[in-house]
Protein backbone atom coordinates (compact mmCIF):
# COMPACT_ATOMS: atom_id res chain seq x y z
CA MET A 1 341.83 172.60 63.36
CA SER A 2 341.35 174.22 66.90
CA THR A 3 343.40 173.93 69.68
CA PRO A 4 342.43 171.14 72.31
CA ARG A 5 340.59 173.18 75.41
CA SER A 6 342.06 169.93 77.67
CA LEU A 7 345.75 170.77 79.05
CA GLN A 8 346.45 167.02 78.63
CA ALA A 9 345.60 166.76 75.04
CA ARG A 10 347.58 169.91 74.24
CA LEU A 11 350.39 168.84 76.50
CA GLY A 12 349.94 165.28 74.31
CA TRP A 13 349.66 167.07 70.74
CA SER A 14 352.38 169.64 71.01
CA ILE A 15 354.75 167.36 72.42
CA GLY A 16 353.98 164.45 70.03
CA LEU A 17 354.28 166.90 66.91
CA LEU A 18 357.36 168.26 68.51
CA LEU A 19 358.82 164.91 68.47
CA THR A 20 357.56 163.96 65.31
CA LEU A 21 359.18 167.37 63.46
CA LEU A 22 362.46 166.25 65.11
CA TRP A 23 362.40 162.35 64.41
CA ILE A 24 361.69 163.46 60.80
CA GLY A 25 364.82 166.31 60.91
CA ALA A 26 366.87 163.89 62.52
CA ALA A 27 366.23 161.15 59.89
CA SER A 28 366.53 163.34 56.95
CA ALA A 29 370.26 164.47 58.35
CA THR A 30 370.93 161.08 59.03
CA ALA A 31 370.03 160.28 55.74
CA VAL A 32 372.16 162.84 53.80
CA LEU A 33 375.33 162.18 56.13
CA LEU A 34 374.84 158.67 55.64
CA ARG A 35 374.48 159.48 51.26
CA HIS A 36 377.90 161.29 51.67
CA GLU A 37 379.41 158.81 53.69
CA MET A 38 378.20 156.09 50.98
CA ASP A 39 379.29 158.13 48.13
CA GLU A 40 382.28 158.20 49.50
CA VAL A 41 382.87 153.95 50.39
CA PHE A 42 381.48 153.48 46.77
CA ASP A 43 384.16 155.79 45.02
CA ALA A 44 386.71 154.04 47.20
CA ALA A 45 385.09 150.87 46.65
CA LEU A 46 385.66 151.56 42.82
CA GLN A 47 389.33 152.89 43.07
CA GLU A 48 390.63 149.50 45.09
CA THR A 49 388.37 147.66 42.28
CA ALA A 50 390.43 149.62 39.33
CA GLN A 51 393.69 149.16 40.97
CA ARG A 52 393.44 145.40 42.17
CA LEU A 53 392.14 144.53 38.47
CA LEU A 54 394.70 146.64 36.64
CA PRO A 55 397.89 144.25 37.45
CA LEU A 56 395.62 141.11 36.62
CA ALA A 57 394.80 142.49 33.35
CA VAL A 58 398.30 143.84 32.35
CA VAL A 59 399.83 139.87 33.06
CA ASP A 60 397.16 138.60 31.02
CA ILE A 61 397.51 140.89 28.09
CA VAL A 62 400.98 141.23 28.11
CA GLY A 63 401.17 137.39 27.89
CA ARG A 64 399.23 137.05 24.77
CA GLU A 65 400.31 135.67 21.49
CA GLU A 66 398.16 137.94 19.43
CA ASP A 67 397.94 141.84 19.96
CA GLY A 68 394.33 144.11 19.75
CA VAL A 69 392.06 141.02 20.95
CA THR A 70 389.22 142.10 22.67
CA GLN A 71 388.79 139.47 25.63
CA ARG A 72 385.34 138.81 27.37
CA LEU A 73 385.66 137.41 30.80
CA ALA A 74 382.82 134.70 31.17
CA ALA A 75 380.96 134.86 34.41
CA ILE A 76 381.25 131.69 36.91
CA ARG A 77 377.52 131.69 37.78
CA ARG A 78 374.92 134.02 37.22
CA HIS A 79 375.10 137.06 39.51
CA ASP A 80 374.32 140.77 39.68
CA GLU A 81 377.13 142.73 38.75
CA PHE A 82 377.20 146.34 39.95
CA PHE A 83 380.76 146.74 38.73
CA THR A 84 381.70 146.40 35.11
CA TYR A 85 384.94 147.35 33.78
CA VAL A 86 386.96 147.48 30.45
CA VAL A 87 391.04 147.77 30.11
CA ARG A 88 392.00 149.93 26.49
CA ASP A 89 395.11 150.52 25.04
CA ALA A 90 396.69 153.71 24.24
CA ASP A 91 394.72 153.75 20.83
CA GLY A 92 391.44 153.12 22.76
CA ARG A 93 390.83 149.90 21.67
CA ILE A 94 389.40 147.26 24.26
CA LEU A 95 391.46 144.54 24.98
CA LEU A 96 389.33 143.09 28.34
CA GLN A 97 386.10 143.06 29.52
CA SER A 98 383.83 142.28 31.79
CA HIS A 99 381.13 139.71 30.86
CA ALA A 100 378.29 142.26 31.71
CA ALA A 101 380.07 145.76 30.91
CA ASP A 102 378.63 147.92 27.91
CA PRO A 103 380.83 149.47 25.73
CA GLY A 104 378.72 152.35 24.61
CA VAL A 105 378.65 153.27 28.27
CA PHE A 106 381.98 153.95 28.93
CA PRO A 107 382.95 157.75 28.15
CA ALA A 108 386.75 158.33 26.25
CA TYR A 109 389.18 157.97 28.03
CA GLY A 110 390.57 161.53 30.13
CA GLY A 111 392.98 160.11 32.38
CA PRO A 112 393.24 158.46 35.81
CA GLY A 113 390.67 159.66 38.16
CA PHE A 114 386.91 160.01 38.71
CA ALA A 115 384.44 160.79 36.24
CA GLN A 116 380.19 160.55 36.00
CA THR A 117 377.70 160.80 33.19
CA ALA A 118 373.77 161.16 34.04
CA THR A 119 374.03 156.86 34.91
CA HIS A 120 377.32 156.21 35.66
CA ARG A 121 380.09 156.48 37.98
CA PHE A 122 383.91 155.71 36.85
CA TYR A 123 387.04 155.62 37.86
CA SER A 124 389.97 155.19 35.65
CA GLU A 125 393.80 154.35 36.22
CA GLU A 126 396.75 153.24 33.93
CA ALA A 127 399.69 151.40 33.28
CA LEU A 128 403.06 150.84 31.02
CA GLN A 129 403.21 154.80 30.66
CA GLY A 130 399.77 154.82 29.84
CA THR A 131 399.79 152.29 27.43
CA LEU A 132 397.36 150.00 29.09
CA ARG A 133 394.10 151.88 30.70
CA ILE A 134 391.10 150.41 32.78
CA THR A 135 388.36 152.09 33.53
CA VAL A 136 385.48 150.63 36.35
CA ALA A 137 382.00 151.76 36.34
CA GLU A 138 379.08 151.56 38.58
CA PRO A 139 375.67 152.20 38.00
CA LEU A 140 374.05 155.50 39.48
CA ASP A 141 370.81 153.44 39.56
CA HIS A 142 372.23 151.29 42.15
CA ARG A 143 373.75 153.90 44.88
CA ALA A 144 369.94 155.74 44.46
CA ALA A 145 368.48 152.27 45.26
CA VAL A 146 371.10 151.50 48.77
CA ALA A 147 370.15 155.47 49.68
CA ARG A 148 366.27 154.49 49.05
CA GLU A 149 366.90 151.46 51.34
CA ILE A 150 368.79 153.60 53.65
CA GLN A 151 365.91 156.58 53.78
CA MET A 152 363.28 153.59 54.20
CA GLY A 153 364.95 151.98 57.18
CA LEU A 154 365.09 155.49 59.23
CA GLY A 155 361.72 156.27 58.12
CA LEU A 156 359.82 153.18 58.31
CA PRO A 157 360.05 153.36 62.30
CA ILE A 158 358.02 156.54 62.34
CA LEU A 159 355.13 154.88 61.57
CA VAL A 160 355.66 152.63 64.61
CA VAL A 161 357.78 154.42 67.05
CA ILE A 162 355.34 157.88 66.56
CA PRO A 163 351.99 156.22 67.44
CA VAL A 164 353.76 154.91 70.47
CA ALA A 165 355.18 157.57 71.84
CA LEU A 166 352.33 159.39 71.43
CA VAL A 167 350.34 157.21 73.54
CA ALA A 168 353.25 157.33 75.76
CA ILE A 169 353.27 160.80 76.05
CA LEU A 170 349.41 161.58 76.38
CA ILE A 171 349.62 158.54 79.54
CA ALA A 172 352.42 159.99 80.94
CA ALA A 173 350.98 163.73 80.70
CA ARG A 174 347.52 162.24 82.17
CA ALA A 175 348.96 160.65 85.20
CA ASN A 176 351.51 163.93 85.68
CA ILE A 177 348.28 165.77 85.50
CA ALA A 178 346.27 163.62 87.74
CA PRO A 179 347.10 166.05 90.69
CA LEU A 180 345.66 168.95 89.13
CA ARG A 181 342.53 166.91 88.34
CA ARG A 182 342.18 165.42 91.47
CA PHE A 183 341.88 169.42 92.80
CA ARG A 184 339.24 169.82 90.25
CA ASP A 185 337.27 167.16 91.39
CA ARG A 186 337.52 168.31 95.26
CA LEU A 187 336.55 171.31 94.17
CA GLU A 188 333.61 169.96 92.25
CA ALA A 189 332.23 168.06 95.01
CA ARG A 190 331.91 171.18 97.27
CA GLY A 191 328.45 172.50 98.40
CA ALA A 192 327.13 176.03 97.41
CA ARG A 193 328.30 177.07 101.08
CA ASP A 194 331.42 175.01 101.57
CA LEU A 195 334.18 177.80 101.69
CA SER A 196 336.73 176.09 103.64
CA PRO A 197 340.06 175.83 102.01
CA VAL A 198 340.64 173.03 99.10
CA PRO A 199 343.62 170.74 99.97
CA ALA A 200 346.40 171.49 97.27
CA GLU A 201 349.63 170.07 98.57
CA ASP A 202 350.33 167.48 95.78
CA LEU A 203 349.89 170.36 92.91
CA PRO A 204 352.44 171.47 90.89
CA SER A 205 354.60 174.18 91.82
CA GLU A 206 353.14 176.08 88.18
CA ILE A 207 349.53 175.48 89.38
CA ALA A 208 350.41 175.92 93.46
CA PRO A 209 349.64 179.64 93.20
CA VAL A 210 346.31 179.31 91.47
CA ALA A 211 345.14 177.03 94.39
CA ALA A 212 346.69 179.33 97.10
CA THR A 213 345.19 182.33 95.31
CA LEU A 214 341.84 180.15 95.22
CA ASN A 215 342.07 179.33 98.54
CA ALA A 216 342.77 182.97 99.84
CA LEU A 217 339.93 183.81 98.08
CA LEU A 218 337.55 181.08 99.89
CA GLU A 219 338.61 182.11 103.30
CA ARG A 220 337.75 186.00 102.26
CA LEU A 221 334.08 185.00 101.35
CA LYS A 222 333.97 182.52 104.32
CA ALA A 223 335.36 185.24 106.60
CA ALA A 224 332.64 187.88 104.78
CA PHE A 225 329.34 185.39 105.22
CA ASP A 226 330.30 184.48 108.64
CA ALA A 227 330.78 188.74 109.53
CA GLU A 228 327.16 188.71 107.53
CA ARG A 229 325.56 185.69 109.52
CA SER A 230 327.06 187.22 113.16
CA PHE A 231 325.33 190.47 112.00
CA ALA A 232 322.20 188.58 111.61
CA THR A 233 322.42 186.89 114.59
CA ASN A 234 323.45 189.67 116.80
CA ALA A 235 320.92 191.97 115.39
CA ALA A 236 318.19 189.84 116.04
CA HIS A 237 319.17 188.88 119.23
CA GLU A 238 319.74 192.03 120.66
CA LEU A 239 316.28 193.19 118.95
CA ARG A 240 314.41 190.35 121.34
CA THR A 241 314.25 192.63 124.31
CA PRO A 242 313.28 195.90 123.20
CA LEU A 243 310.89 194.25 121.19
CA ALA A 244 309.54 192.58 124.13
CA GLY A 245 309.34 195.66 126.44
CA ALA A 246 307.76 197.64 123.37
CA ILE A 247 305.24 195.21 122.97
CA ALA A 248 304.70 195.24 126.44
CA GLN A 249 304.07 199.45 126.69
CA ALA A 250 301.70 198.81 123.56
CA GLN A 251 299.63 196.05 125.65
CA ARG A 252 299.73 198.31 128.65
CA LEU A 253 298.69 201.24 126.53
CA ARG A 254 295.59 199.72 125.34
CA SER A 255 294.84 198.36 128.75
CA GLU A 256 295.18 201.94 129.96
CA THR A 257 293.45 204.52 127.73
CA SER A 258 289.78 204.78 126.90
CA ASP A 259 290.20 206.32 123.81
CA PRO A 260 288.99 204.20 120.79
CA ALA A 261 291.40 205.54 118.33
CA ALA A 262 294.24 205.58 120.89
CA GLY A 263 293.68 202.17 121.60
CA GLU A 264 293.66 200.91 118.20
CA ARG A 265 296.48 202.75 117.29
CA ALA A 266 298.26 200.50 119.98
CA ALA A 267 297.04 197.56 118.79
CA GLU A 268 298.43 198.71 115.67
CA ILE A 269 301.39 199.15 116.80
CA GLU A 270 301.30 195.97 118.89
CA ALA A 271 301.05 193.74 115.89
CA THR A 272 303.65 195.67 113.49
CA LEU A 273 305.93 194.82 116.86
CA LYS A 274 305.27 191.31 116.64
CA ARG A 275 305.63 191.05 112.90
CA LEU A 276 309.24 192.66 113.74
CA THR A 277 309.43 189.91 116.25
CA ARG A 278 308.84 187.07 114.05
CA ARG A 279 311.03 188.72 111.36
CA ALA A 280 314.10 189.32 113.76
CA GLU A 281 313.39 185.08 114.78
CA ARG A 282 313.40 183.95 111.26
CA LEU A 283 316.20 185.95 110.99
CA MET A 284 318.14 184.21 113.36
CA GLN A 285 316.87 180.90 112.06
CA LEU A 286 318.30 181.84 108.59
CA ALA A 287 321.78 182.54 110.28
CA ARG A 288 321.48 178.79 112.36
CA ALA A 289 320.47 177.46 108.65
CA GLU A 290 323.80 178.84 106.93
CA GLY A 291 326.48 178.36 109.74
CA ALA A 292 325.38 175.97 112.03
CA ARG A 293 326.31 172.03 112.19
CA LEU A 294 323.14 170.07 110.79
CA ARG A 295 324.39 166.52 110.91
CA LEU A 296 325.74 165.40 114.22
CA ASP A 297 327.60 162.72 115.56
CA ARG A 298 324.55 161.29 117.22
CA THR A 299 320.72 160.37 115.66
CA SER A 300 317.69 160.74 116.92
CA ASP A 301 313.84 160.32 115.48
CA LEU A 302 312.44 162.94 113.42
CA ARG A 303 308.87 161.83 114.51
CA THR A 304 309.52 163.41 118.39
CA ALA A 305 310.52 166.78 116.89
CA ILE A 306 307.87 167.25 114.26
CA GLN A 307 305.58 166.02 117.01
CA ILE A 308 306.96 169.16 119.43
CA VAL A 309 306.42 171.40 116.58
CA VAL A 310 302.92 170.50 115.86
CA LYS A 311 302.04 170.60 119.72
CA GLU A 312 303.77 173.76 119.98
CA ILE A 313 301.79 175.45 116.81
CA GLU A 314 298.13 173.85 117.92
CA ARG A 315 297.95 176.46 120.97
CA ASN A 316 297.33 178.74 119.15
CA ALA A 317 295.81 176.87 115.44
CA ASP A 318 293.99 173.60 116.04
CA CYS A 319 293.99 172.69 112.68
CA ILE A 320 296.54 170.66 112.17
CA THR A 321 296.45 166.76 110.50
CA LEU A 322 299.49 165.02 111.72
CA ARG A 323 300.28 161.26 110.20
CA LEU A 324 303.30 159.78 111.34
CA PRO A 325 304.64 156.19 110.67
CA ASP A 326 304.44 153.24 113.11
CA GLN A 327 308.31 152.82 113.62
CA PRO A 328 310.72 155.52 114.49
CA VAL A 329 312.28 157.20 111.40
CA VAL A 330 316.25 157.97 112.60
CA SER A 331 318.36 160.64 111.64
CA ASP A 332 321.47 162.00 112.43
CA ILE A 333 320.13 166.01 111.82
CA ASP A 334 320.32 168.58 114.34
CA PRO A 335 316.83 168.14 115.77
CA ASP A 336 316.73 171.83 116.32
CA ALA A 337 317.24 172.02 112.58
CA VAL A 338 314.31 169.87 111.96
CA GLY A 339 311.97 171.66 114.06
CA ILE A 340 313.14 174.91 112.23
CA LEU A 341 312.12 173.29 108.81
CA CYS A 342 309.11 171.64 109.86
CA SER A 343 307.92 175.14 111.71
CA ASN A 344 308.51 177.32 108.53
CA LEU A 345 306.48 175.11 106.38
CA ILE A 346 303.45 174.26 109.00
CA GLU A 347 303.11 178.46 109.12
CA ASN A 348 303.95 178.95 105.82
CA ALA A 349 300.65 176.48 105.44
CA LEU A 350 298.59 178.14 107.88
CA ARG A 351 299.49 181.71 106.61
CA HIS A 352 298.56 181.11 103.07
CA GLY A 353 296.18 178.00 102.82
CA SER A 354 292.39 177.63 103.33
CA THR A 355 291.19 178.38 106.99
CA ARG A 356 288.13 175.58 106.53
CA SER A 357 290.63 172.67 105.80
CA PRO A 358 293.60 171.33 107.96
CA VAL A 359 297.08 171.27 106.95
CA GLU A 360 298.14 167.83 106.31
CA VAL A 361 301.81 167.15 107.98
CA THR A 362 303.19 163.87 106.67
CA LEU A 363 306.21 161.87 107.51
CA THR A 364 307.04 158.26 105.67
CA ALA A 365 309.30 155.98 107.08
CA ASP A 366 311.69 156.80 104.35
CA GLY A 367 312.29 160.49 106.28
CA GLU A 368 310.09 162.02 103.32
CA LEU A 369 308.14 165.43 105.16
CA THR A 370 305.22 166.49 103.06
CA VAL A 371 303.53 169.57 104.16
CA ALA A 372 299.79 170.12 102.27
CA ASN A 373 297.21 172.46 102.54
CA GLU A 374 293.93 173.88 100.36
CA GLY A 375 294.31 176.98 98.72
CA PRO A 376 294.06 178.91 95.54
CA ILE A 377 296.66 177.47 92.54
CA VAL A 378 300.18 179.30 92.37
CA ALA A 379 301.19 180.06 89.11
CA PRO A 380 304.38 178.61 88.17
CA GLU A 381 306.80 181.26 87.46
CA THR A 382 305.75 182.26 91.08
CA LEU A 383 306.45 178.64 92.34
CA ALA A 384 309.42 178.48 90.98
CA ARG A 385 310.89 181.79 93.09
CA LEU A 386 308.93 181.02 96.13
CA THR A 387 312.77 179.61 98.10
CA GLU A 388 314.55 183.38 97.30
CA ARG A 389 314.59 185.47 100.05
CA PHE A 390 311.91 188.14 100.88
CA GLU A 391 309.91 186.35 98.06
CA ARG A 392 306.25 186.25 98.78
CA ALA A 393 302.92 184.58 96.92
CA GLY A 394 301.32 187.88 96.65
CA SER A 395 302.03 191.27 97.81
CA SER A 396 298.92 191.56 100.00
CA THR A 397 300.38 188.57 102.21
CA ASP A 398 301.58 188.91 105.53
CA GLY A 399 304.90 187.02 106.31
CA SER A 400 308.76 187.66 106.33
CA GLY A 401 309.08 186.06 103.03
CA ILE A 402 311.91 184.18 104.33
CA GLY A 403 310.26 180.58 105.44
CA LEU A 404 311.10 179.06 102.31
CA ALA A 405 314.03 180.49 102.34
CA ILE A 406 314.98 179.04 105.58
CA VAL A 407 313.84 175.59 104.62
CA ALA A 408 316.08 174.95 101.29
CA THR A 409 318.90 176.31 102.82
CA ILE A 410 318.56 173.62 105.55
CA ALA A 411 317.15 170.77 103.07
CA GLU A 412 320.61 172.39 100.63
CA ARG A 413 322.70 172.15 103.20
CA VAL A 414 321.48 168.34 104.60
CA GLY A 415 322.09 166.71 100.81
CA SER A 416 318.52 167.49 99.89
CA SER A 417 315.52 169.60 98.43
CA VAL A 418 312.12 171.49 98.53
CA VAL A 419 309.58 170.24 95.75
CA LEU A 420 306.68 172.89 95.59
CA ARG A 421 303.38 171.45 93.91
CA SER A 422 300.52 173.42 92.75
CA PRO A 423 297.96 171.97 92.79
CA ARG A 424 298.22 169.45 94.85
CA PRO A 425 298.81 165.93 93.43
CA GLY A 426 295.66 164.51 92.42
CA GLN A 427 293.89 167.36 93.27
CA GLY A 428 292.69 170.81 91.46
CA SER A 429 293.82 173.40 94.13
CA GLY A 430 295.92 173.93 97.10
CA PHE A 431 299.57 173.65 97.51
CA GLU A 432 302.00 170.92 98.51
CA ALA A 433 305.95 171.34 100.24
CA SER A 434 307.90 168.04 100.50
CA VAL A 435 311.63 167.34 101.58
CA ARG A 436 313.15 164.09 102.00
CA LEU A 437 315.48 164.04 104.98
CA PRO A 438 318.17 161.83 105.27
CA ALA A 439 316.96 159.08 107.75
CA LEU A 440 318.92 155.65 108.04
CA SER A 441 317.62 152.22 106.91
CA ARG A 442 314.51 150.47 108.21
CA GLU A 443 316.57 147.87 110.24
CA LEU A 444 318.49 150.53 111.99
CA SER A 445 315.47 152.67 112.50
CA ALA A 446 313.92 149.16 114.04
CA GLY A 447 317.08 148.94 116.32
CA ALA A 448 317.17 152.40 117.29
CA GLY A 449 313.84 152.05 118.63
CA ALA A 450 314.36 148.77 120.68
CA ASP A 451 317.18 150.44 122.40
């Protein structure tokens, strides 16, 4: 039998088994002691019976007219006779016996005191200088029966007490392990990016050091991640000005040179610097998605943030179809986070989709944002990796490879997820990405719109 993995089960079964063994041991030792005491009591009763009956037998026998006659006492009423006796003379003749006495079980007189055979325990006593002798017998089966009753009386409660005790132990173990179970539930309820200390003030002293070590580890991880995000944010921010200056110099070089080869090279440098600028912006967005507070104490209309993003992108690409519900879609998500999420989805669709078909942006009344575009079908194995950092749909595609990773990070932190489909539902080609943003109910949305 394998050891239970549950600490509660281990405590319950180990304590229950120990209690059972202790109970059985105590009952066995008590039975042995009681058997010894019982033998002493029965021996004392044998002796007392012989000493009480012998004077009466002497009076009865001495007063007889005939000597050597055996007299059997008749029973007044039927009863179990555990003690039987015979009174004999010096020649061994039986002069008096109890009504149930069997002379065959009585051994030859061997003097005063106790004697025992395979079936009986005896006590003998004498009077009148040994001329009258009494022997009282008790069946050993009687003592054995009494001993069995005592053992049953001690053992039977085990069948009732032990199961009740096991249940009580399990209940007590469950109650005492409750703080550890609460600590586990708090830890399980954490998101993958929540590295704040887990409350552990009610843990037992044996488990508290484990919780303290875990919280210290979470603090170190949080510090490491914060340092990483801070470095990415600062590096991206510090690169903005030098990159802008370098782009301006490249543009100036293109305008001032008359050499076609130099102009082409300056254009390549400008394009490379712009890609680097976009990547720096994506790194800043990723750092914000990982570290900033995305759920606010106030609410706003999701339609507003999406409309602003679409208008901004349409300055350079007039191929977006926007569908919004008539009623406000109110949410407590930071509008900046909504803008980052929406812009990355749309730019990803523009970059990888067909230029002959518009990008379709749809927001439903319950907060589901969908961005779809026409294009080749993405393989399922590639589709499953697109939300990973620096993963692209193909080696030849342009882009930073972290746009969908930013979207997935924001969705995860607001309690949602990104669903990618290719081909589009009901179509034979294309790509679709959808995120369900947490939105208030339709009634609250209508109320917010009225305000």
